[in-house]
């Protein structure tokens, strides 16, 4: 059976980032559709599966496995399972990107202070 999750059905006071977990719909994929302001960040964390980001607009600094990488529109960034990673919006505009999780549920363990 097809499903549609309409923006009008979400809490208007909630974060502008959309969270989707596919298990509920029989899909083995989950994602965050990130929409965050300048300076927003997500602290270092790990997942037991691969994560892939597609940057749609803005500028982001990814930190993964102790290295920093800057990315912009249409760049794709990938980390393997159990790789410590996080990101920061380093631009003056909103950051929009999709964070694809290779799992029907989002499983993440934060590693320290400053976690989102």
PDB file of N, CA and C in Angstrom:
ATOM      1  N   UNK A   1       0.844  -1.182   0.000  1.00  0.00           N
ATOM      2  CA  UNK A   1       0.000   0.000   0.000  1.00  0.00           C
ATOM      3  C   UNK A   1       0.886   1.241   0.000  1.00  0.00           C
ATOM      4  N   UNK A   2       0.688   2.189  -0.880  1.00  0.00           N
ATOM      5  CA  UNK A   2       1.482   3.424  -0.909  1.00  0.00           C
ATOM      6  C   UNK A   2       1.183   4.304   0.311  1.00  0.00           C
ATOM      7  N   UNK A   3       2.162   5.098   0.677  1.00  0.00           N
ATOM      8  CA  UNK A   3       2.027   6.030   1.795  1.00  0.00           C
ATOM      9  C   UNK A   3       2.525   7.395   1.358  1.00  0.00           C
ATOM     10  N   UNK A   4       1.939   8.442   1.922  1.00  0.00           N
ATOM     11  CA  UNK A   4       2.481   9.788   1.751  1.00  0.00           C
ATOM     12  C   UNK A   4       2.489  10.440   3.125  1.00  0.00           C
ATOM     13  N   UNK A   5       3.613  11.047   3.463  1.00  0.00           N
ATOM     14  CA  UNK A   5       3.752  11.754   4.727  1.00  0.00           C
ATOM     15  C   UNK A   5       3.778  13.234   4.387  1.00  0.00           C
ATOM     16  N   UNK A   6       2.708  13.925   4.642  1.00  0.00           N
ATOM     17  CA  UNK A   6       2.566  15.322   4.238  1.00  0.00           C
ATOM     18  C   UNK A   6       3.140  16.274   5.279  1.00  0.00           C
ATOM     19  N   UNK A   7       3.800  17.324   4.794  1.00  0.00           N
ATOM     20  CA  UNK A   7       4.367  18.338   5.684  1.00  0.00           C
ATOM     21  C   UNK A   7       3.291  18.932   6.583  1.00  0.00           C
ATOM     22  N   UNK A   8       2.090  19.104   6.068  1.00  0.00           N
ATOM     23  CA  UNK A   8       1.000  19.705   6.843  1.00  0.00           C
ATOM     24  C   UNK A   8       0.612  18.847   8.040  1.00  0.00           C
ATOM     25  N   UNK A   9       0.960  17.556   8.020  1.00  0.00           N
ATOM     26  CA  UNK A   9       0.618  16.657   9.123  1.00  0.00           C
ATOM     27  C   UNK A   9       1.651  16.665  10.238  1.00  0.00           C
ATOM     28  N   UNK A  10       2.795  17.301  10.013  1.00  0.00           N
ATOM     29  CA  UNK A  10       3.843  17.345  11.038  1.00  0.00           C
ATOM     30  C   UNK A  10       3.616  18.521  11.975  1.00  0.00           C
ATOM     31  N   UNK A  11       4.161  18.412  13.168  1.00  0.00           N
ATOM     32  CA  UNK A  11       4.067  19.472  14.165  1.00  0.00           C
ATOM     33  C   UNK A  11       4.778  20.712  13.636  1.00  0.00           C
ATOM     34  N   UNK A  12       4.086  21.856  13.494  1.00  0.00           N
ATOM     35  CA  UNK A  12       4.714  23.058  12.949  1.00  0.00           C
ATOM     36  C   UNK A  12       5.785  23.642  13.863  1.00  0.00           C
ATOM     37  N   UNK A  13       5.813  23.235  15.130  1.00  0.00           N
ATOM     38  CA  UNK A  13       6.821  23.726  16.069  1.00  0.00           C
ATOM     39  C   UNK A  13       8.050  22.825  16.123  1.00  0.00           C
ATOM     40  N   UNK A  14       8.020  21.747  15.398  1.00  0.00           N
ATOM     41  CA  UNK A  14       9.134  20.799  15.408  1.00  0.00           C
ATOM     42  C   UNK A  14      10.300  21.350  14.586  1.00  0.00           C
ATOM     43  N   UNK A  15      11.440  20.712  14.731  1.00  0.00           N
ATOM     44  CA  UNK A  15      12.623  21.064  13.954  1.00  0.00           C
ATOM     45  C   UNK A  15      12.283  21.044  12.460  1.00  0.00           C
ATOM     46  N   UNK A  16      13.017  21.834  11.697  1.00  0.00           N
ATOM     47  CA  UNK A  16      12.822  21.832  10.242  1.00  0.00           C
ATOM     48  C   UNK A  16      13.458  20.604   9.606  1.00  0.00           C
ATOM     49  N   UNK A  17      14.218  19.840  10.374  1.00  0.00           N
ATOM     50  CA  UNK A  17      14.797  18.600   9.876  1.00  0.00           C
ATOM     51  C   UNK A  17      13.755  17.494   9.979  1.00  0.00           C
ATOM     52  N   UNK A  18      13.594  16.760   8.899  1.00  0.00           N
ATOM     53  CA  UNK A  18      12.623  15.664   8.842  1.00  0.00           C
ATOM     54  C   UNK A  18      13.351  14.355   9.120  1.00  0.00           C
ATOM     55  N   UNK A  19      12.759  13.529   9.979  1.00  0.00           N
ATOM     56  CA  UNK A  19      13.296  12.204  10.264  1.00  0.00           C
ATOM     57  C   UNK A  19      12.345  11.160   9.684  1.00  0.00           C
ATOM     58  N   UNK A  20      12.900  10.203   8.945  1.00  0.00           N
ATOM     59  CA  UNK A  20      12.108   9.114   8.377  1.00  0.00           C
ATOM     60  C   UNK A  20      12.780   7.796   8.700  1.00  0.00           C
ATOM     61  N   UNK A  21      12.027   6.865   9.285  1.00  0.00           N
ATOM     62  CA  UNK A  21      12.513   5.510   9.534  1.00  0.00           C
ATOM     63  C   UNK A  21      11.647   4.548   8.726  1.00  0.00           C
ATOM     64  N   UNK A  22      12.281   3.800   7.848  1.00  0.00           N
ATOM     65  CA  UNK A  22      11.572   2.989   6.879  1.00  0.00           C
ATOM     66  C   UNK A  22      10.917   1.728   7.396  1.00  0.00           C
ATOM     67  N   UNK A  23      11.383   1.162   8.526  1.00  0.00           N
ATOM     68  CA  UNK A  23      10.810  -0.087   9.021  1.00  0.00           C
ATOM     69  C   UNK A  23       9.287  -0.045   9.066  1.00  0.00           C
ATOM     70  N   UNK A  24       8.757   1.063   9.492  1.00  0.00           N
ATOM     71  CA  UNK A  24       7.301   1.217   9.623  1.00  0.00           C
ATOM     72  C   UNK A  24       6.580   0.997   8.289  1.00  0.00           C
ATOM     73  N   UNK A  25       7.305   1.207   7.191  1.00  0.00           N
ATOM     74  CA  UNK A  25       6.710   1.114   5.858  1.00  0.00           C
ATOM     75  C   UNK A  25       7.279  -0.048   5.047  1.00  0.00           C
ATOM     76  N   UNK A  26       7.996  -0.945   5.714  1.00  0.00           N
ATOM     77  CA  UNK A  26       8.567  -2.094   5.021  1.00  0.00           C
ATOM     78  C   UNK A  26       9.808  -1.769   4.219  1.00  0.00           C
ATOM     79  N   UNK A  27      10.458  -0.636   4.511  1.00  0.00           N
ATOM     80  CA  UNK A  27      11.667  -0.222   3.786  1.00  0.00           C
ATOM     81  C   UNK A  27      12.884  -0.377   4.689  1.00  0.00           C
ATOM     82  N   UNK A  28      13.969  -0.880   4.140  1.00  0.00           N
ATOM     83  CA  UNK A  28      15.199  -1.050   4.912  1.00  0.00           C
ATOM     84  C   UNK A  28      16.142   0.133   4.692  1.00  0.00           C
ATOM     85  N   UNK A  29      15.594   1.347   4.847  1.00  0.00           N
ATOM     86  CA  UNK A  29      16.366   2.578   4.708  1.00  0.00           C
ATOM     87  C   UNK A  29      15.705   3.638   5.579  1.00  0.00           C
ATOM     88  N   UNK A  30      16.522   4.545   6.100  1.00  0.00           N
ATOM     89  CA  UNK A  30      16.033   5.669   6.898  1.00  0.00           C
ATOM     90  C   UNK A  30      16.792   6.910   6.461  1.00  0.00           C
ATOM     91  N   UNK A  31      16.290   8.103   6.833  1.00  0.00           N
ATOM     92  CA  UNK A  31      17.032   9.310   6.489  1.00  0.00           C
ATOM     93  C   UNK A  31      16.640  10.478   7.372  1.00  0.00           C
ATOM     94  N   UNK A  32      17.539  11.446   7.419  1.00  0.00           N
ATOM     95  CA  UNK A  32      17.259  12.779   7.922  1.00  0.00           C
ATOM     96  C   UNK A  32      17.299  13.704   6.708  1.00  0.00           C
ATOM     97  N   UNK A  33      16.286  14.528   6.515  1.00  0.00           N
ATOM     98  CA  UNK A  33      16.324  15.604   5.533  1.00  0.00           C
ATOM     99  C   UNK A  33      16.659  16.849   6.352  1.00  0.00           C
ATOM    100  N   UNK A  34      17.936  17.177   6.400  1.00  0.00           N
ATOM    101  CA  UNK A  34      18.453  18.241   7.260  1.00  0.00           C
ATOM    102  C   UNK A  34      18.133  19.603   6.673  1.00  0.00           C
ATOM    103  N   UNK A  35      17.683  20.503   7.522  1.00  0.00           N
ATOM    104  CA  UNK A  35      17.462  21.914   7.184  1.00  0.00           C
ATOM    105  C   UNK A  35      17.865  22.686   8.429  1.00  0.00           C
ATOM    106  N   UNK A  36      19.119  23.150   8.468  1.00  0.00           N
ATOM    107  CA  UNK A  36      19.641  23.768   9.682  1.00  0.00           C
ATOM    108  C   UNK A  36      20.290  25.113   9.396  1.00  0.00           C
ATOM    109  N   UNK A  37      20.278  25.973  10.401  1.00  0.00           N
ATOM    110  CA  UNK A  37      20.829  27.310  10.283  1.00  0.00           C
ATOM    111  C   UNK A  37      22.336  27.355  10.426  1.00  0.00           C
ATOM    112  N   UNK A  38      22.922  28.525  10.138  1.00  0.00           N
ATOM    113  CA  UNK A  38      24.369  28.701  10.261  1.00  0.00           C
ATOM    114  C   UNK A  38      24.863  28.315  11.658  1.00  0.00           C
ATOM    115  N   UNK A  39      25.972  27.583  11.685  1.00  0.00           N
ATOM    116  CA  UNK A  39      26.586  27.182  12.946  1.00  0.00           C
ATOM    117  C   UNK A  39      25.998  25.929  13.566  1.00  0.00           C
ATOM    118  N   UNK A  40      24.859  25.469  13.086  1.00  0.00           N
ATOM    119  CA  UNK A  40      24.261  24.253  13.648  1.00  0.00           C
ATOM    120  C   UNK A  40      25.205  23.077  13.424  1.00  0.00           C
ATOM    121  N   UNK A  41      25.196  22.151  14.370  1.00  0.00           N
ATOM    122  CA  UNK A  41      26.093  21.005  14.241  1.00  0.00           C
ATOM    123  C   UNK A  41      25.489  19.764  14.886  1.00  0.00           C
ATOM    124  N   UNK A  42      26.037  18.640  14.504  1.00  0.00           N
ATOM    125  CA  UNK A  42      25.749  17.359  15.137  1.00  0.00           C
ATOM    126  C   UNK A  42      27.091  16.802  15.571  1.00  0.00           C
ATOM    127  N   UNK A  43      27.205  16.494  16.866  1.00  0.00           N
ATOM    128  CA  UNK A  43      28.467  16.007  17.431  1.00  0.00           C
ATOM    129  C   UNK A  43      28.837  14.610  16.956  1.00  0.00           C
ATOM    130  N   UNK A  44      30.053  14.212  17.318  1.00  0.00           N
ATOM    131  CA  UNK A  44      30.564  12.908  16.885  1.00  0.00           C
ATOM    132  C   UNK A  44      29.686  11.768  17.395  1.00  0.00           C
ATOM    133  N   UNK A  45      29.405  10.852  16.477  1.00  0.00           N
ATOM    134  CA  UNK A  45      28.599   9.684  16.795  1.00  0.00           C
ATOM    135  C   UNK A  45      28.947   8.571  15.815  1.00  0.00           C
ATOM    136  N   UNK A  46      28.426   7.377  16.069  1.00  0.00           N
ATOM    137  CA  UNK A  46      28.653   6.233  15.190  1.00  0.00           C
ATOM    138  C   UNK A  46      27.329   5.533  14.915  1.00  0.00           C
ATOM    139  N   UNK A  47      27.312   4.759  13.814  1.00  0.00           N
ATOM    140  CA  UNK A  47      26.194   3.898  13.443  1.00  0.00           C
ATOM    141  C   UNK A  47      26.766   2.519  13.104  1.00  0.00           C
ATOM    142  N   UNK A  48      25.978   1.450  13.272  1.00  0.00           N
ATOM    143  CA  UNK A  48      26.463   0.116  12.893  1.00  0.00           C
ATOM    144  C   UNK A  48      26.250  -0.179  11.409  1.00  0.00           C
ATOM    145  N   UNK A  49      26.078   0.857  10.605  1.00  0.00           N
ATOM    146  CA  UNK A  49      25.825   0.719   9.174  1.00  0.00           C
ATOM    147  C   UNK A  49      26.401   1.934   8.455  1.00  0.00           C
ATOM    148  N   UNK A  50      26.452   1.884   7.143  1.00  0.00           N
ATOM    149  CA  UNK A  50      26.954   2.979   6.318  1.00  0.00           C
ATOM    150  C   UNK A  50      25.973   4.153   6.335  1.00  0.00           C
ATOM    151  N   UNK A  51      26.522   5.391   6.294  1.00  0.00           N
ATOM    152  CA  UNK A  51      25.695   6.585   6.144  1.00  0.00           C
ATOM    153  C   UNK A  51      26.208   7.386   4.950  1.00  0.00           C
ATOM    154  N   UNK A  52      25.273   7.919   4.185  1.00  0.00           N
ATOM    155  CA  UNK A  52      25.586   8.686   2.976  1.00  0.00           C
ATOM    156  C   UNK A  52      24.856  10.019   3.054  1.00  0.00           C
ATOM    157  N   UNK A  53      25.572  11.123   2.770  1.00  0.00           N
ATOM    158  CA  UNK A  53      24.956  12.452   2.741  1.00  0.00           C
ATOM    159  C   UNK A  53      24.970  12.985   1.318  1.00  0.00           C
ATOM    160  N   UNK A  54      23.894  13.640   0.940  1.00  0.00           N
ATOM    161  CA  UNK A  54      23.829  14.381  -0.317  1.00  0.00           C
ATOM    162  C   UNK A  54      23.537  15.826   0.063  1.00  0.00           C
ATOM    163  N   UNK A  55      24.490  16.711  -0.212  1.00  0.00           N
ATOM    164  CA  UNK A  55      24.328  18.129   0.119  1.00  0.00           C
ATOM    165  C   UNK A  55      23.508  18.774  -0.996  1.00  0.00           C
ATOM    166  N   UNK A  56      22.416  19.424  -0.628  1.00  0.00           N
ATOM    167  CA  UNK A  56      21.561  20.086  -1.612  1.00  0.00           C
ATOM    168  C   UNK A  56      21.849  21.583  -1.692  1.00  0.00           C
ATOM    169  N   UNK A  57      22.070  22.230  -0.553  1.00  0.00           N
ATOM    170  CA  UNK A  57      22.439  23.652  -0.558  1.00  0.00           C
ATOM    171  C   UNK A  57      23.178  23.976   0.726  1.00  0.00           C
ATOM    172  N   UNK A  58      24.010  25.013   0.655  1.00  0.00           N
ATOM    173  CA  UNK A  58      24.785  25.427   1.814  1.00  0.00           C
ATOM    174  C   UNK A  58      26.183  24.847   1.796  1.00  0.00           C
ATOM    175  N   UNK A  59      26.885  25.061   2.908  1.00  0.00           N
ATOM    176  CA  UNK A  59      28.263  24.592   3.070  1.00  0.00           C
ATOM    177  C   UNK A  59      28.363  23.825   4.376  1.00  0.00           C
ATOM    178  N   UNK A  60      29.044  22.710   4.340  1.00  0.00           N
ATOM    179  CA  UNK A  60      29.139  21.847   5.517  1.00  0.00           C
ATOM    180  C   UNK A  60      30.571  21.363   5.696  1.00  0.00           C
ATOM    181  N   UNK A  61      30.953  21.205   6.962  1.00  0.00           N
ATOM    182  CA  UNK A  61      32.231  20.556   7.278  1.00  0.00           C
ATOM    183  C   UNK A  61      31.895  19.237   7.959  1.00  0.00           C
ATOM    184  N   UNK A  62      32.286  18.151   7.317  1.00  0.00           N
ATOM    185  CA  UNK A  62      32.142  16.828   7.903  1.00  0.00           C
ATOM    186  C   UNK A  62      33.421  16.501   8.644  1.00  0.00           C
ATOM    187  N   UNK A  63      33.286  15.897   9.800  1.00  0.00           N
ATOM    188  CA  UNK A  63      34.420  15.341  10.518  1.00  0.00           C
ATOM    189  C   UNK A  63      34.180  13.845  10.576  1.00  0.00           C
ATOM    190  N   UNK A  64      35.151  13.070  10.106  1.00  0.00           N
ATOM    191  CA  UNK A  64      35.006  11.617  10.101  1.00  0.00           C
ATOM    192  C   UNK A  64      36.377  10.980  10.269  1.00  0.00           C
ATOM    193  N   UNK A  65      36.446  10.027  11.165  1.00  0.00           N
ATOM    194  CA  UNK A  65      37.699   9.297  11.407  1.00  0.00           C
ATOM    195  C   UNK A  65      38.860  10.256  11.655  1.00  0.00           C
ATOM    196  N   UNK A  66      38.588  11.366  12.347  1.00  0.00           N
ATOM    197  CA  UNK A  66      39.631  12.322  12.704  1.00  0.00           C
ATOM    198  C   UNK A  66      40.027  13.290  11.607  1.00  0.00           C
ATOM    199  N   UNK A  67      39.379  13.252  10.466  1.00  0.00           N
ATOM    200  CA  UNK A  67      39.685  14.160   9.357  1.00  0.00           C
ATOM    201  C   UNK A  67      38.503  15.076   9.097  1.00  0.00           C
ATOM    202  N   UNK A  68      38.785  16.282   8.568  1.00  0.00           N
ATOM    203  CA  UNK A  68      37.730  17.223   8.196  1.00  0.00           C
ATOM    204  C   UNK A  68      37.654  17.333   6.679  1.00  0.00           C
ATOM    205  N   UNK A  69      36.421  17.447   6.183  1.00  0.00           N
ATOM    206  CA  UNK A  69      36.170  17.555   4.745  1.00  0.00           C
ATOM    207  C   UNK A  69      35.059  18.569   4.540  1.00  0.00           C
ATOM    208  N   UNK A  70      35.279  19.562   3.681  1.00  0.00           N
ATOM    209  CA  UNK A  70      34.238  20.540   3.381  1.00  0.00           C
ATOM    210  C   UNK A  70      33.501  20.123   2.120  1.00  0.00           C
ATOM    211  N   UNK A  71      32.192  20.399   2.107  1.00  0.00           N
ATOM    212  CA  UNK A  71      31.365  19.992   0.969  1.00  0.00           C
ATOM    213  C   UNK A  71      30.311  21.057   0.702  1.00  0.00           C
ATOM    214  N   UNK A  72      29.799  21.045  -0.532  1.00  0.00           N
ATOM    215  CA  UNK A  72      28.770  21.987  -0.951  1.00  0.00           C
ATOM    216  C   UNK A  72      27.743  21.297  -1.828  1.00  0.00           C
ATOM    217  N   UNK A  73      26.903  22.081  -2.497  1.00  0.00           N
ATOM    218  CA  UNK A  73      25.794  21.535  -3.269  1.00  0.00           C
ATOM    219  C   UNK A  73      26.211  20.420  -4.235  1.00  0.00           C
ATOM    220  N   UNK A  74      25.428  19.342  -4.173  1.00  0.00           N
ATOM    221  CA  UNK A  74      25.562  18.154  -5.013  1.00  0.00           C
ATOM    222  C   UNK A  74      26.768  17.286  -4.695  1.00  0.00           C
ATOM    223  N   UNK A  75      27.524  17.624  -3.623  1.00  0.00           N
ATOM    224  CA  UNK A  75      28.584  16.730  -3.165  1.00  0.00           C
ATOM    225  C   UNK A  75      27.954  15.589  -2.377  1.00  0.00           C
ATOM    226  N   UNK A  76      28.600  14.436  -2.430  1.00  0.00           N
ATOM    227  CA  UNK A  76      28.157  13.246  -1.700  1.00  0.00           C
ATOM    228  C   UNK A  76      29.295  12.823  -0.786  1.00  0.00           C
ATOM    229  N   UNK A  77      28.960  12.532   0.480  1.00  0.00           N
ATOM    230  CA  UNK A  77      29.954  12.137   1.471  1.00  0.00           C
ATOM    231  C   UNK A  77      29.482  10.825   2.092  1.00  0.00           C
ATOM    232  N   UNK A  78      30.393   9.873   2.274  1.00  0.00           N
ATOM    233  CA  UNK A  78      30.046   8.534   2.741  1.00  0.00           C
ATOM    234  C   UNK A  78      30.973   8.132   3.883  1.00  0.00           C
ATOM    235  N   UNK A  79      30.390   7.536   4.935  1.00  0.00           N
ATOM    236  CA  UNK A  79      31.206   6.936   5.992  1.00  0.00           C
ATOM    237  C   UNK A  79      30.774   5.486   6.184  1.00  0.00           C
ATOM    238  N   UNK A  80      31.752   4.663   6.490  1.00  0.00           N
ATOM    239  CA  UNK A  80      31.506   3.242   6.710  1.00  0.00           C
ATOM    240  C   UNK A  80      30.992   3.005   8.131  1.00  0.00           C
ATOM    241  N   UNK A  81      30.450   1.821   8.406  1.00  0.00           N
ATOM    242  CA  UNK A  81      29.945   1.511   9.744  1.00  0.00           C
ATOM    243  C   UNK A  81      30.997   1.747  10.830  1.00  0.00           C
ATOM    244  N   UNK A  82      30.514   2.184  11.987  1.00  0.00           N
ATOM    245  CA  UNK A  82      31.330   2.394  13.195  1.00  0.00           C
ATOM    246  C   UNK A  82      32.403   3.473  13.039  1.00  0.00           C
ATOM    247  N   UNK A  83      32.286   4.346  12.037  1.00  0.00           N
ATOM    248  CA  UNK A  83      33.228   5.450  11.847  1.00  0.00           C
ATOM    249  C   UNK A  83      32.722   6.668  12.608  1.00  0.00           C
ATOM    250  N   UNK A  84      33.486   7.186  13.587  1.00  0.00           N
ATOM    251  CA  UNK A  84      33.052   8.398  14.292  1.00  0.00           C
ATOM    252  C   UNK A  84      32.942   9.562  13.306  1.00  0.00           C
ATOM    253  N   UNK A  85      31.800  10.256  13.342  1.00  0.00           N
ATOM    254  CA  UNK A  85      31.566  11.354  12.407  1.00  0.00           C
ATOM    255  C   UNK A  85      30.558  12.345  12.973  1.00  0.00           C
ATOM    256  N   UNK A  86      30.562  13.546  12.408  1.00  0.00           N
ATOM    257  CA  UNK A  86      29.619  14.603  12.745  1.00  0.00           C
ATOM    258  C   UNK A  86      29.723  15.670  11.666  1.00  0.00           C
ATOM    259  N   UNK A  87      28.940  16.754  11.819  1.00  0.00           N
ATOM    260  CA  UNK A  87      29.017  17.813  10.820  1.00  0.00           C
ATOM    261  C   UNK A  87      28.613  19.145  11.413  1.00  0.00           C
ATOM    262  N   UNK A  88      29.051  20.231  10.736  1.00  0.00           N
ATOM    263  CA  UNK A  88      28.739  21.605  11.122  1.00  0.00           C
ATOM    264  C   UNK A  88      28.383  22.400   9.878  1.00  0.00           C
ATOM    265  N   UNK A  89      27.323  23.204   9.978  1.00  0.00           N
ATOM    266  CA  UNK A  89      26.988  24.149   8.908  1.00  0.00           C
ATOM    267  C   UNK A  89      27.989  25.285   9.013  1.00  0.00           C
ATOM    268  N   UNK A  90      28.877  25.426   8.028  1.00  0.00           N
ATOM    269  CA  UNK A  90      29.921  26.456   8.069  1.00  0.00           C
ATOM    270  C   UNK A  90      29.587  27.657   7.200  1.00  0.00           C
ATOM    271  N   UNK A  91      28.410  27.662   6.596  1.00  0.00           N
ATOM    272  CA  UNK A  91      28.019  28.764   5.725  1.00  0.00           C
ATOM    273  C   UNK A  91      27.197  29.822   6.442  1.00  0.00           C
ATOM    274  N   UNK A  92      26.873  30.870   5.715  1.00  0.00           N
ATOM    275  CA  UNK A  92      26.031  31.956   6.228  1.00  0.00           C
ATOM    276  C   UNK A  92      24.554  31.708   5.944  1.00  0.00           C
ATOM    277  N   UNK A  93      24.239  30.650   5.210  1.00  0.00           N
ATOM    278  CA  UNK A  93      22.871  30.321   4.838  1.00  0.00           C
ATOM    279  C   UNK A  93      22.471  28.991   5.462  1.00  0.00           C
ATOM    280  N   UNK A  94      21.240  28.609   5.244  1.00  0.00           N
ATOM    281  CA  UNK A  94      20.755  27.324   5.727  1.00  0.00           C
ATOM    282  C   UNK A  94      21.467  26.194   4.986  1.00  0.00           C
ATOM    283  N   UNK A  95      21.655  25.099   5.686  1.00  0.00           N
ATOM    284  CA  UNK A  95      22.230  23.883   5.121  1.00  0.00           C
ATOM    285  C   UNK A  95      21.085  22.904   4.874  1.00  0.00           C
ATOM    286  N   UNK A  96      20.989  22.439   3.647  1.00  0.00           N
ATOM    287  CA  UNK A  96      19.998  21.423   3.313  1.00  0.00           C
ATOM    288  C   UNK A  96      20.723  20.226   2.731  1.00  0.00           C
ATOM    289  N   UNK A  97      20.513  19.067   3.342  1.00  0.00           N
ATOM    290  CA  UNK A  97      21.108  17.836   2.842  1.00  0.00           C
ATOM    291  C   UNK A  97      20.283  16.655   3.319  1.00  0.00           C
ATOM    292  N   UNK A  98      20.468  15.547   2.652  1.00  0.00           N
ATOM    293  CA  UNK A  98      19.798  14.311   3.021  1.00  0.00           C
ATOM    294  C   UNK A  98      20.856  13.352   3.542  1.00  0.00           C
ATOM    295  N   UNK A  99      20.609  12.815   4.754  1.00  0.00           N
ATOM    296  CA  UNK A  99      21.519  11.861   5.396  1.00  0.00           C
ATOM    297  C   UNK A  99      20.851  10.485   5.334  1.00  0.00           C
ATOM    298  N   UNK A 100      21.349   9.626   4.473  1.00  0.00           N
ATOM    299  CA  UNK A 100      20.730   8.325   4.211  1.00  0.00           C
ATOM    300  C   UNK A 100      21.391   7.271   5.095  1.00  0.00           C
ATOM    301  N   UNK A 101      20.550   6.547   5.834  1.00  0.00           N
ATOM    302  CA  UNK A 101      21.014   5.493   6.743  1.00  0.00           C
ATOM    303  C   UNK A 101      20.642   4.139   6.153  1.00  0.00           C
ATOM    304  N   UNK A 102      21.622   3.260   6.057  1.00  0.00           N
ATOM    305  CA  UNK A 102      21.425   1.934   5.479  1.00  0.00           C
ATOM    306  C   UNK A 102      20.801   0.992   6.513  1.00  0.00           C
ATOM    307  N   UNK A 103      19.611   1.406   7.002  1.00  0.00           N
ATOM    308  CA  UNK A 103      18.914   0.640   8.035  1.00  0.00           C
ATOM    309  C   UNK A 103      17.464   1.108   8.090  1.00  0.00           C
ATOM    310  N   UNK A 104      16.570   0.216   8.418  1.00  0.00           N
ATOM    311  CA  UNK A 104      15.170   0.583   8.557  1.00  0.00           C
ATOM    312  C   UNK A 104      14.872   1.403   9.795  1.00  0.00           C
ATOM    313  N   UNK A 105      15.823   1.440  10.730  1.00  0.00           N
ATOM    314  CA  UNK A 105      15.711   2.303  11.912  1.00  0.00           C
ATOM    315  C   UNK A 105      17.028   3.048  12.083  1.00  0.00           C
ATOM    316  N   UNK A 106      16.955   4.221  12.670  1.00  0.00           N
ATOM    317  CA  UNK A 106      18.161   5.015  12.908  1.00  0.00           C
ATOM    318  C   UNK A 106      18.743   4.600  14.256  1.00  0.00           C
ATOM    319  N   UNK A 107      19.984   4.125  14.198  1.00  0.00           N
ATOM    320  CA  UNK A 107      20.693   3.675  15.390  1.00  0.00           C
ATOM    321  C   UNK A 107      21.964   4.502  15.475  1.00  0.00           C
ATOM    322  N   UNK A 108      22.071   5.370  16.496  1.00  0.00           N
ATOM    323  CA  UNK A 108      23.296   6.159  16.618  1.00  0.00           C
ATOM    324  C   UNK A 108      23.674   6.304  18.077  1.00  0.00           C
ATOM    325  N   UNK A 109      24.981   6.249  18.292  1.00  0.00           N
ATOM    326  CA  UNK A 109      25.551   6.394  19.620  1.00  0.00           C
ATOM    327  C   UNK A 109      26.451   7.616  19.611  1.00  0.00           C
ATOM    328  N   UNK A 110      26.105   8.626  20.428  1.00  0.00           N
ATOM    329  CA  UNK A 110      26.919   9.837  20.513  1.00  0.00           C
ATOM    330  C   UNK A 110      28.141   9.563  21.383  1.00  0.00           C
ATOM    331  N   UNK A 111      29.253  10.230  21.049  1.00  0.00           N
ATOM    332  CA  UNK A 111      30.544   9.934  21.654  1.00  0.00           C
ATOM    333  C   UNK A 111      31.054  10.978  22.625  1.00  0.00           C
ATOM    334  N   UNK A 112      30.369  12.109  22.804  1.00  0.00           N
ATOM    335  CA  UNK A 112      30.908  13.108  23.718  1.00  0.00           C
ATOM    336  C   UNK A 112      30.038  14.317  23.831  1.00  0.00           C
ATOM    337  N   UNK A 113      30.613  15.398  24.383  1.00  0.00           N
ATOM    338  CA  UNK A 113      29.900  16.640  24.593  1.00  0.00           C
ATOM    339  C   UNK A 113      29.580  17.311  23.266  1.00  0.00           C
ATOM    340  N   UNK A 114      28.592  18.203  23.293  1.00  0.00           N
ATOM    341  CA  UNK A 114      28.223  18.959  22.116  1.00  0.00           C
ATOM    342  C   UNK A 114      27.371  18.178  21.141  1.00  0.00           C
ATOM    343  N   UNK A 115      26.827  17.051  21.611  1.00  0.00           N
ATOM    344  CA  UNK A 115      26.007  16.228  20.753  1.00  0.00           C
ATOM    345  C   UNK A 115      24.656  16.875  20.530  1.00  0.00           C
ATOM    346  N   UNK A 116      24.092  16.634  19.363  1.00  0.00           N
ATOM    347  CA  UNK A 116      22.768  17.171  19.034  1.00  0.00           C
ATOM    348  C   UNK A 116      21.675  16.295  19.579  1.00  0.00           C
TER     349      UNK A 116
END
